[in-house]
Amino acid sequence: MKRLLSIGMLLALAGCGTNGEGERCNPLRATSDCDPGFSCVYPTGPSCGVSYCCAVDDSGNVTDKSPSCQPDPLSAAECGLDLSTAPLDGGTTD
């Protein structure tokens, strides 16, 4: 029984860490995978490519300058997005 508790404690400790700026994260986790001040986002587009811990503004637009937090043209192509014509931030146009 003692051994089982030890294994459980090790597994719990291994899953408690958070990720910093520009590190990969899992947006499907119930608790945040990222350090405070960062959100787990898909920089290329909604559910497109790989998700990273990035700084975002109040509207959810990525403001982080980390290379991992910038749109990835290869991922966009695989997701069927054209980065040259589609606005990434979902903002309004004038």
PDB file of N, CA and C in Angstrom:
ATOM      1  N   MET A   1       0.827  -1.191   0.000  1.00  0.00           N
ATOM      2  CA  MET A   1       0.000   0.000   0.000  1.00  0.00           C
ATOM      3  C   MET A   1       0.870   1.255   0.000  1.00  0.00           C
ATOM      4  N   LYS A   2       1.929   1.234   0.784  1.00  0.00           N
ATOM      5  CA  LYS A   2       2.831   2.373   0.870  1.00  0.00           C
ATOM      6  C   LYS A   2       3.472   2.642  -0.493  1.00  0.00           C
ATOM      7  N   ARG A   3       3.802   1.582  -1.193  1.00  0.00           N
ATOM      8  CA  ARG A   3       4.419   1.713  -2.514  1.00  0.00           C
ATOM      9  C   ARG A   3       3.446   2.349  -3.511  1.00  0.00           C
ATOM     10  N   LEU A   4       2.189   1.948  -3.450  1.00  0.00           N
ATOM     11  CA  LEU A   4       1.159   2.491  -4.324  1.00  0.00           C
ATOM     12  C   LEU A   4       0.969   3.989  -4.082  1.00  0.00           C
ATOM     13  N   LEU A   5       0.979   4.406  -2.823  1.00  0.00           N
ATOM     14  CA  LEU A   5       0.860   5.823  -2.501  1.00  0.00           C
ATOM     15  C   LEU A   5       2.054   6.608  -3.025  1.00  0.00           C
ATOM     16  N   SER A   6       3.240   6.040  -2.918  1.00  0.00           N
ATOM     17  CA  SER A   6       4.445   6.710  -3.405  1.00  0.00           C
ATOM     18  C   SER A   6       4.390   6.921  -4.914  1.00  0.00           C
ATOM     19  N   ILE A   7       3.923   5.924  -5.633  1.00  0.00           N
ATOM     20  CA  ILE A   7       3.808   6.032  -7.093  1.00  0.00           C
ATOM     21  C   ILE A   7       2.778   7.110  -7.447  1.00  0.00           C
ATOM     22  N   GLY A   8       1.664   7.126  -6.733  1.00  0.00           N
ATOM     23  CA  GLY A   8       0.631   8.125  -6.976  1.00  0.00           C
ATOM     24  C   GLY A   8       1.133   9.534  -6.723  1.00  0.00           C
ATOM     25  N   MET A   9       1.921   9.709  -5.669  1.00  0.00           N
ATOM     26  CA  MET A   9       2.468  11.034  -5.352  1.00  0.00           C
ATOM     27  C   MET A   9       3.453  11.484  -6.425  1.00  0.00           C
ATOM     28  N   LEU A  10       4.264  10.562  -6.924  1.00  0.00           N
ATOM     29  CA  LEU A  10       5.214  10.906  -7.985  1.00  0.00           C
ATOM     30  C   LEU A  10       4.495  11.321  -9.255  1.00  0.00           C
ATOM     31  N   LEU A  11       3.445  10.612  -9.615  1.00  0.00           N
ATOM     32  CA  LEU A  11       2.675  10.963 -10.806  1.00  0.00           C
ATOM     33  C   LEU A  11       2.005  12.318 -10.646  1.00  0.00           C
ATOM     34  N   ALA A  12       1.489  12.592  -9.460  1.00  0.00           N
ATOM     35  CA  ALA A  12       0.830  13.881  -9.218  1.00  0.00           C
ATOM     36  C   ALA A  12       1.831  15.021  -9.315  1.00  0.00           C
ATOM     37  N   LEU A  13       3.007  14.833  -8.750  1.00  0.00           N
ATOM     38  CA  LEU A  13       4.031  15.879  -8.805  1.00  0.00           C
ATOM     39  C   LEU A  13       4.531  16.104 -10.224  1.00  0.00           C
ATOM     40  N   ALA A  14       4.628  15.059 -11.011  1.00  0.00           N
ATOM     41  CA  ALA A  14       5.125  15.178 -12.381  1.00  0.00           C
ATOM     42  C   ALA A  14       4.155  15.972 -13.247  1.00  0.00           C
ATOM     43  N   GLY A  15       2.871  15.938 -12.950  1.00  0.00           N
ATOM     44  CA  GLY A  15       1.883  16.623 -13.765  1.00  0.00           C
ATOM     45  C   GLY A  15       1.530  18.012 -13.282  1.00  0.00           C
ATOM     46  N   CYS A  16       2.178  18.524 -12.233  1.00  0.00           N
ATOM     47  CA  CYS A  16       1.791  19.793 -11.638  1.00  0.00           C
ATOM     48  C   CYS A  16       2.533  20.993 -12.206  1.00  0.00           C
ATOM     49  N   GLY A  17       3.566  20.788 -12.973  1.00  0.00           N
ATOM     50  CA  GLY A  17       4.342  21.915 -13.482  1.00  0.00           C
ATOM     51  C   GLY A  17       3.578  22.685 -14.537  1.00  0.00           C
ATOM     52  N   THR A  18       3.959  23.948 -14.687  1.00  0.00           N
ATOM     53  CA  THR A  18       3.361  24.761 -15.737  1.00  0.00           C
ATOM     54  C   THR A  18       4.446  25.155 -16.728  1.00  0.00           C
ATOM     55  N   ASN A  19       4.011  25.641 -17.866  1.00  0.00           N
ATOM     56  CA  ASN A  19       4.933  25.983 -18.936  1.00  0.00           C
ATOM     57  C   ASN A  19       5.072  27.488 -19.068  1.00  0.00           C
ATOM     58  N   GLY A  20       6.270  27.920 -19.445  1.00  0.00           N
ATOM     59  CA  GLY A  20       6.552  29.333 -19.603  1.00  0.00           C
ATOM     60  C   GLY A  20       6.294  29.824 -21.017  1.00  0.00           C
ATOM     61  N   GLU A  21       6.679  31.053 -21.270  1.00  0.00           N
ATOM     62  CA  GLU A  21       6.473  31.718 -22.554  1.00  0.00           C
ATOM     63  C   GLU A  21       7.044  30.913 -23.711  1.00  0.00           C
ATOM     64  N   GLY A  22       6.213  30.691 -24.733  1.00  0.00           N
ATOM     65  CA  GLY A  22       6.646  30.009 -25.942  1.00  0.00           C
ATOM     66  C   GLY A  22       6.782  28.510 -25.833  1.00  0.00           C
ATOM     67  N   GLU A  23       6.424  27.928 -24.676  1.00  0.00           N
ATOM     68  CA  GLU A  23       6.504  26.477 -24.518  1.00  0.00           C
ATOM     69  C   GLU A  23       5.172  25.846 -24.914  1.00  0.00           C
ATOM     70  N   ARG A  24       5.242  24.610 -25.411  1.00  0.00           N
ATOM     71  CA  ARG A  24       4.028  23.900 -25.827  1.00  0.00           C
ATOM     72  C   ARG A  24       3.119  23.661 -24.628  1.00  0.00           C
ATOM     73  N   CYS A  25       1.822  23.602 -24.903  1.00  0.00           N
ATOM     74  CA  CYS A  25       0.845  23.378 -23.843  1.00  0.00           C
ATOM     75  C   CYS A  25      -0.323  22.577 -24.399  1.00  0.00           C
ATOM     76  N   ASN A  26      -1.186  22.143 -23.508  1.00  0.00           N
ATOM     77  CA  ASN A  26      -2.366  21.374 -23.882  1.00  0.00           C
ATOM     78  C   ASN A  26      -3.605  22.205 -23.569  1.00  0.00           C
ATOM     79  N   PRO A  27      -4.278  22.752 -24.595  1.00  0.00           N
ATOM     80  CA  PRO A  27      -5.450  23.599 -24.339  1.00  0.00           C
ATOM     81  C   PRO A  27      -6.665  22.832 -23.820  1.00  0.00           C
ATOM     82  N   LEU A  28      -6.619  21.509 -23.829  1.00  0.00           N
ATOM     83  CA  LEU A  28      -7.748  20.704 -23.383  1.00  0.00           C
ATOM     84  C   LEU A  28      -7.697  20.359 -21.899  1.00  0.00           C
ATOM     85  N   ARG A  29      -6.632  20.777 -21.216  1.00  0.00           N
ATOM     86  CA  ARG A  29      -6.535  20.510 -19.775  1.00  0.00           C
ATOM     87  C   ARG A  29      -7.554  21.333 -19.017  1.00  0.00           C
ATOM     88  N   ALA A  30      -8.060  20.783 -17.941  1.00  0.00           N
ATOM     89  CA  ALA A  30      -9.049  21.487 -17.124  1.00  0.00           C
ATOM     90  C   ALA A  30      -8.432  22.673 -16.398  1.00  0.00           C
ATOM     91  N   THR A  31      -7.164  22.575 -16.044  1.00  0.00           N
ATOM     92  CA  THR A  31      -6.463  23.685 -15.402  1.00  0.00           C
ATOM     93  C   THR A  31      -5.421  24.209 -16.374  1.00  0.00           C
ATOM     94  N   SER A  32      -5.016  25.437 -16.185  1.00  0.00           N
ATOM     95  CA  SER A  32      -4.081  26.057 -17.117  1.00  0.00           C
ATOM     96  C   SER A  32      -2.761  25.320 -17.143  1.00  0.00           C
ATOM     97  N   ASP A  33      -2.263  25.123 -18.330  1.00  0.00           N
ATOM     98  CA  ASP A  33      -0.990  24.464 -18.561  1.00  0.00           C
ATOM     99  C   ASP A  33       0.149  25.487 -18.563  1.00  0.00           C
ATOM    100  N   CYS A  34      -0.200  26.774 -18.488  1.00  0.00           N
ATOM    101  CA  CYS A  34       0.787  27.853 -18.640  1.00  0.00           C
ATOM    102  C   CYS A  34       0.998  28.629 -17.348  1.00  0.00           C
ATOM    103  N   ASP A  35       2.172  29.232 -17.243  1.00  0.00           N
ATOM    104  CA  ASP A  35       2.478  30.107 -16.116  1.00  0.00           C
ATOM    105  C   ASP A  35       1.491  31.270 -16.087  1.00  0.00           C
ATOM    106  N   PRO A  36       1.307  31.896 -14.918  1.00  0.00           N
ATOM    107  CA  PRO A  36       0.431  33.072 -14.835  1.00  0.00           C
ATOM    108  C   PRO A  36       0.858  34.146 -15.844  1.00  0.00           C
ATOM    109  N   GLY A  37      -0.119  34.771 -16.479  1.00  0.00           N
ATOM    110  CA  GLY A  37       0.156  35.807 -17.464  1.00  0.00           C
ATOM    111  C   GLY A  37       0.177  35.294 -18.894  1.00  0.00           C
ATOM    112  N   PHE A  38       0.108  33.976 -19.070  1.00  0.00           N
ATOM    113  CA  PHE A  38       0.121  33.383 -20.407  1.00  0.00           C
ATOM    114  C   PHE A  38      -1.122  32.522 -20.606  1.00  0.00           C
ATOM    115  N   SER A  39      -1.547  32.390 -21.842  1.00  0.00           N
ATOM    116  CA  SER A  39      -2.683  31.543 -22.193  1.00  0.00           C
ATOM    117  C   SER A  39      -2.226  30.493 -23.187  1.00  0.00           C
ATOM    118  N   CYS A  40      -2.865  29.338 -23.153  1.00  0.00           N
ATOM    119  CA  CYS A  40      -2.555  28.263 -24.096  1.00  0.00           C
ATOM    120  C   CYS A  40      -3.361  28.522 -25.369  1.00  0.00           C
ATOM    121  N   VAL A  41      -2.676  28.920 -26.440  1.00  0.00           N
ATOM    122  CA  VAL A  41      -3.348  29.318 -27.681  1.00  0.00           C
ATOM    123  C   VAL A  41      -2.721  28.647 -28.892  1.00  0.00           C
ATOM    124  N   TYR A  42      -3.476  28.649 -29.982  1.00  0.00           N
ATOM    125  CA  TYR A  42      -2.980  28.226 -31.287  1.00  0.00           C
ATOM    126  C   TYR A  42      -2.625  29.505 -32.050  1.00  0.00           C
ATOM    127  N   PRO A  43      -1.349  29.857 -32.166  1.00  0.00           N
ATOM    128  CA  PRO A  43      -0.985  31.114 -32.829  1.00  0.00           C
ATOM    129  C   PRO A  43      -1.405  31.201 -34.296  1.00  0.00           C
ATOM    130  N   THR A  44      -1.487  30.077 -34.986  1.00  0.00           N
ATOM    131  CA  THR A  44      -1.806  30.100 -36.412  1.00  0.00           C
ATOM    132  C   THR A  44      -3.289  30.320 -36.658  1.00  0.00           C
ATOM    133  N   GLY A  45      -4.126  29.749 -35.858  1.00  0.00           N
ATOM    134  CA  GLY A  45      -5.573  29.874 -36.013  1.00  0.00           C
ATOM    135  C   GLY A  45      -6.264  28.929 -35.061  1.00  0.00           C
ATOM    136  N   PRO A  46      -7.570  29.078 -34.864  1.00  0.00           N
ATOM    137  CA  PRO A  46      -8.298  28.211 -33.932  1.00  0.00           C
ATOM    138  C   PRO A  46      -8.115  26.723 -34.241  1.00  0.00           C
ATOM    139  N   SER A  47      -7.613  26.010 -33.254  1.00  0.00           N
ATOM    140  CA  SER A  47      -7.390  24.556 -33.353  1.00  0.00           C
ATOM    141  C   SER A  47      -6.537  24.170 -34.557  1.00  0.00           C
ATOM    142  N   CYS A  48      -5.635  25.043 -34.964  1.00  0.00           N
ATOM    143  CA  CYS A  48      -4.775  24.787 -36.121  1.00  0.00           C
ATOM    144  C   CYS A  48      -3.318  24.774 -35.694  1.00  0.00           C
ATOM    145  N   GLY A  49      -2.614  23.717 -35.986  1.00  0.00           N
ATOM    146  CA  GLY A  49      -1.194  23.627 -35.663  1.00  0.00           C
ATOM    147  C   GLY A  49      -0.976  23.177 -34.233  1.00  0.00           C
ATOM    148  N   VAL A  50       0.036  23.759 -33.590  1.00  0.00           N
ATOM    149  CA  VAL A  50       0.447  23.391 -32.241  1.00  0.00           C
ATOM    150  C   VAL A  50       0.136  24.553 -31.307  1.00  0.00           C
ATOM    151  N   SER A  51      -0.264  24.245 -30.075  1.00  0.00           N
ATOM    152  CA  SER A  51      -0.585  25.294 -29.106  1.00  0.00           C
ATOM    153  C   SER A  51       0.619  25.598 -28.222  1.00  0.00           C
ATOM    154  N   TYR A  52       0.743  26.884 -27.869  1.00  0.00           N
ATOM    155  CA  TYR A  52       1.858  27.372 -27.050  1.00  0.00           C
ATOM    156  C   TYR A  52       1.351  28.321 -25.980  1.00  0.00           C
ATOM    157  N   CYS A  53       2.157  28.505 -24.932  1.00  0.00           N
ATOM    158  CA  CYS A  53       1.867  29.480 -23.888  1.00  0.00           C
ATOM    159  C   CYS A  53       2.312  30.846 -24.387  1.00  0.00           C
ATOM    160  N   CYS A  54       1.353  31.744 -24.582  1.00  0.00           N
ATOM    161  CA  CYS A  54       1.635  33.070 -25.141  1.00  0.00           C
ATOM    162  C   CYS A  54       0.871  34.137 -24.383  1.00  0.00           C
ATOM    163  N   ALA A  55       1.400  35.349 -24.397  1.00  0.00           N
ATOM    164  CA  ALA A  55       0.690  36.491 -23.835  1.00  0.00           C
ATOM    165  C   ALA A  55      -0.386  36.913 -24.826  1.00  0.00           C
ATOM    166  N   VAL A  56      -1.572  37.238 -24.311  1.00  0.00           N
ATOM    167  CA  VAL A  56      -2.681  37.693 -25.147  1.00  0.00           C
ATOM    168  C   VAL A  56      -3.279  38.963 -24.541  1.00  0.00           C
ATOM    169  N   ASP A  57      -3.963  39.747 -25.388  1.00  0.00           N
ATOM    170  CA  ASP A  57      -4.632  40.941 -24.882  1.00  0.00           C
ATOM    171  C   ASP A  57      -6.014  40.566 -24.346  1.00  0.00           C
ATOM    172  N   ASP A  58      -6.775  41.572 -23.911  1.00  0.00           N
ATOM    173  CA  ASP A  58      -8.096  41.319 -23.330  1.00  0.00           C
ATOM    174  C   ASP A  58      -9.075  40.676 -24.308  1.00  0.00           C
ATOM    175  N   SER A  59      -8.824  40.824 -25.609  1.00  0.00           N
ATOM    176  CA  SER A  59      -9.702  40.236 -26.623  1.00  0.00           C
ATOM    177  C   SER A  59      -9.268  38.838 -27.034  1.00  0.00           C
ATOM    178  N   GLY A  60      -8.149  38.366 -26.481  1.00  0.00           N
ATOM    179  CA  GLY A  60      -7.648  37.034 -26.813  1.00  0.00           C
ATOM    180  C   GLY A  60      -6.680  37.010 -27.981  1.00  0.00           C
ATOM    181  N   ASN A  61      -6.289  38.189 -28.487  1.00  0.00           N
ATOM    182  CA  ASN A  61      -5.329  38.259 -29.584  1.00  0.00           C
ATOM    183  C   ASN A  61      -3.912  38.078 -29.049  1.00  0.00           C
ATOM    184  N   VAL A  62      -3.095  37.301 -29.742  1.00  0.00           N
ATOM    185  CA  VAL A  62      -1.717  37.053 -29.323  1.00  0.00           C
ATOM    186  C   VAL A  62      -0.904  38.336 -29.451  1.00  0.00           C
ATOM    187  N   THR A  63      -0.271  38.738 -28.352  1.00  0.00           N
ATOM    188  CA  THR A  63       0.593  39.918 -28.345  1.00  0.00           C
ATOM    189  C   THR A  63       2.047  39.550 -28.113  1.00  0.00           C
ATOM    190  N   ASP A  64       2.302  38.288 -27.846  1.00  0.00           N
ATOM    191  CA  ASP A  64       3.631  37.787 -27.522  1.00  0.00           C
ATOM    192  C   ASP A  64       4.549  37.836 -28.735  1.00  0.00           C
ATOM    193  N   LYS A  65       5.798  38.238 -28.530  1.00  0.00           N
ATOM    194  CA  LYS A  65       6.779  38.321 -29.613  1.00  0.00           C
ATOM    195  C   LYS A  65       7.659  37.077 -29.715  1.00  0.00           C
ATOM    196  N   SER A  66       7.429  36.085 -28.850  1.00  0.00           N
ATOM    197  CA  SER A  66       8.195  34.836 -28.900  1.00  0.00           C
ATOM    198  C   SER A  66       7.999  34.178 -30.266  1.00  0.00           C
ATOM    199  N   PRO A  67       9.062  33.633 -30.864  1.00  0.00           N
ATOM    200  CA  PRO A  67       8.919  32.971 -32.175  1.00  0.00           C
ATOM    201  C   PRO A  67       7.859  31.871 -32.191  1.00  0.00           C
ATOM    202  N   SER A  68       7.699  31.151 -31.096  1.00  0.00           N
ATOM    203  CA  SER A  68       6.701  30.079 -31.038  1.00  0.00           C
ATOM    204  C   SER A  68       5.281  30.626 -31.097  1.00  0.00           C
ATOM    205  N   CYS A  69       5.102  31.875 -30.718  1.00  0.00           N
ATOM    206  CA  CYS A  69       3.768  32.472 -30.650  1.00  0.00           C
ATOM    207  C   CYS A  69       3.369  33.182 -31.938  1.00  0.00           C
ATOM    208  N   GLN A  70       4.176  33.062 -32.970  1.00  0.00           N
ATOM    209  CA  GLN A  70       3.872  33.685 -34.260  1.00  0.00           C
ATOM    210  C   GLN A  70       3.210  32.657 -35.178  1.00  0.00           C
ATOM    211  N   PRO A  71       2.320  33.106 -36.074  1.00  0.00           N
ATOM    212  CA  PRO A  71       1.662  32.177 -36.999  1.00  0.00           C
ATOM    213  C   PRO A  71       2.676  31.387 -37.818  1.00  0.00           C
ATOM    214  N   ASP A  72       2.401  30.121 -37.989  1.00  0.00           N
ATOM    215  CA  ASP A  72       3.288  29.227 -38.730  1.00  0.00           C
ATOM    216  C   ASP A  72       2.688  28.927 -40.100  1.00  0.00           C
ATOM    217  N   PRO A  73       3.312  29.400 -41.186  1.00  0.00           N
ATOM    218  CA  PRO A  73       2.765  29.184 -42.534  1.00  0.00           C
ATOM    219  C   PRO A  73       2.574  27.709 -42.893  1.00  0.00           C
ATOM    220  N   LEU A  74       3.474  26.830 -42.441  1.00  0.00           N
ATOM    221  CA  LEU A  74       3.344  25.408 -42.745  1.00  0.00           C
ATOM    222  C   LEU A  74       2.086  24.826 -42.096  1.00  0.00           C
ATOM    223  N   SER A  75       1.874  25.161 -40.813  1.00  0.00           N
ATOM    224  CA  SER A  75       0.661  24.692 -40.129  1.00  0.00           C
ATOM    225  C   SER A  75      -0.578  25.262 -40.789  1.00  0.00           C
ATOM    226  N   ALA A  76      -0.512  26.534 -41.192  1.00  0.00           N
ATOM    227  CA  ALA A  76      -1.668  27.164 -41.841  1.00  0.00           C
ATOM    228  C   ALA A  76      -2.020  26.445 -43.133  1.00  0.00           C
ATOM    229  N   ALA A  77      -1.005  26.099 -43.915  1.00  0.00           N
ATOM    230  CA  ALA A  77      -1.246  25.396 -45.173  1.00  0.00           C
ATOM    231  C   ALA A  77      -1.884  24.033 -44.916  1.00  0.00           C
ATOM    232  N   GLU A  78      -1.402  23.324 -43.887  1.00  0.00           N
ATOM    233  CA  GLU A  78      -1.962  22.018 -43.546  1.00  0.00           C
ATOM    234  C   GLU A  78      -3.406  22.132 -43.068  1.00  0.00           C
ATOM    235  N   CYS A  79      -3.752  23.273 -42.469  1.00  0.00           N
ATOM    236  CA  CYS A  79      -5.112  23.492 -41.969  1.00  0.00           C
ATOM    237  C   CYS A  79      -6.011  24.140 -43.013  1.00  0.00           C
ATOM    238  N   GLY A  80      -5.452  24.452 -44.183  1.00  0.00           N
ATOM    239  CA  GLY A  80      -6.243  25.061 -45.237  1.00  0.00           C
ATOM    240  C   GLY A  80      -6.454  26.556 -45.062  1.00  0.00           C
ATOM    241  N   LEU A  81      -5.562  27.220 -44.302  1.00  0.00           N
ATOM    242  CA  LEU A  81      -5.664  28.660 -44.100  1.00  0.00           C
ATOM    243  C   LEU A  81      -4.691  29.382 -45.017  1.00  0.00           C
ATOM    244  N   ASP A  82      -5.075  30.531 -45.506  1.00  0.00           N
ATOM    245  CA  ASP A  82      -4.191  31.367 -46.313  1.00  0.00           C
ATOM    246  C   ASP A  82      -3.835  32.594 -45.481  1.00  0.00           C
ATOM    247  N   LEU A  83      -2.625  32.602 -44.919  1.00  0.00           N
ATOM    248  CA  LEU A  83      -2.215  33.697 -44.045  1.00  0.00           C
ATOM    249  C   LEU A  83      -2.108  35.031 -44.777  1.00  0.00           C
ATOM    250  N   SER A  84      -2.023  35.012 -46.077  1.00  0.00           N
ATOM    251  CA  SER A  84      -1.881  36.269 -46.816  1.00  0.00           C
ATOM    252  C   SER A  84      -3.213  36.996 -46.930  1.00  0.00           C
ATOM    253  N   THR A  85      -4.321  36.308 -46.719  1.00  0.00           N
ATOM    254  CA  THR A  85      -5.624  36.969 -46.869  1.00  0.00           C
ATOM    255  C   THR A  85      -6.489  36.923 -45.622  1.00  0.00           C
ATOM    256  N   ALA A  86      -6.264  35.965 -44.744  1.00  0.00           N
ATOM    257  CA  ALA A  86      -7.128  35.816 -43.568  1.00  0.00           C
ATOM    258  C   ALA A  86      -6.566  36.576 -42.373  1.00  0.00           C
ATOM    259  N   PRO A  87      -7.347  37.474 -41.763  1.00  0.00           N
ATOM    260  CA  PRO A  87      -6.873  38.145 -40.549  1.00  0.00           C
ATOM    261  C   PRO A  87      -6.802  37.138 -39.420  1.00  0.00           C
ATOM    262  N   LEU A  88      -5.699  37.139 -38.673  1.00  0.00           N
ATOM    263  CA  LEU A  88      -5.506  36.156 -37.612  1.00  0.00           C
ATOM    264  C   LEU A  88      -6.132  36.571 -36.299  1.00  0.00           C
ATOM    265  N   ASP A  89      -6.242  37.872 -36.054  1.00  0.00           N
ATOM    266  CA  ASP A  89      -6.698  38.298 -34.738  1.00  0.00           C
ATOM    267  C   ASP A  89      -8.208  38.412 -34.599  1.00  0.00           C
ATOM    268  N   GLY A  90      -8.923  38.237 -35.694  1.00  0.00           N
ATOM    269  CA  GLY A  90     -10.380  38.304 -35.624  1.00  0.00           C
ATOM    270  C   GLY A  90     -10.885  39.704 -35.371  1.00  0.00           C
ATOM    271  N   GLY A  91      -9.996  40.694 -35.469  1.00  0.00           N
ATOM    272  CA  GLY A  91     -10.373  42.079 -35.217  1.00  0.00           C
ATOM    273  C   GLY A  91     -11.224  42.639 -36.346  1.00  0.00           C
ATOM    274  N   THR A  92     -11.782  43.800 -36.094  1.00  0.00           N
ATOM    275  CA  THR A  92     -12.611  44.443 -37.104  1.00  0.00           C
ATOM    276  C   THR A  92     -11.742  45.241 -38.057  1.00  0.00           C
ATOM    277  N   THR A  93     -12.265  45.491 -39.222  1.00  0.00           N
ATOM    278  CA  THR A  93     -11.545  46.306 -40.199  1.00  0.00           C
ATOM    279  C   THR A  93     -12.206  47.671 -40.294  1.00  0.00           C
ATOM    280  N   ASP A  94     -11.446  48.665 -40.655  1.00  0.00           N
ATOM    281  CA  ASP A  94     -11.983  50.027 -40.765  1.00  0.00           C
ATOM    282  C   ASP A  94     -12.591  50.269 -42.106  1.00  0.00           C
TER     283      ASP A  94
END
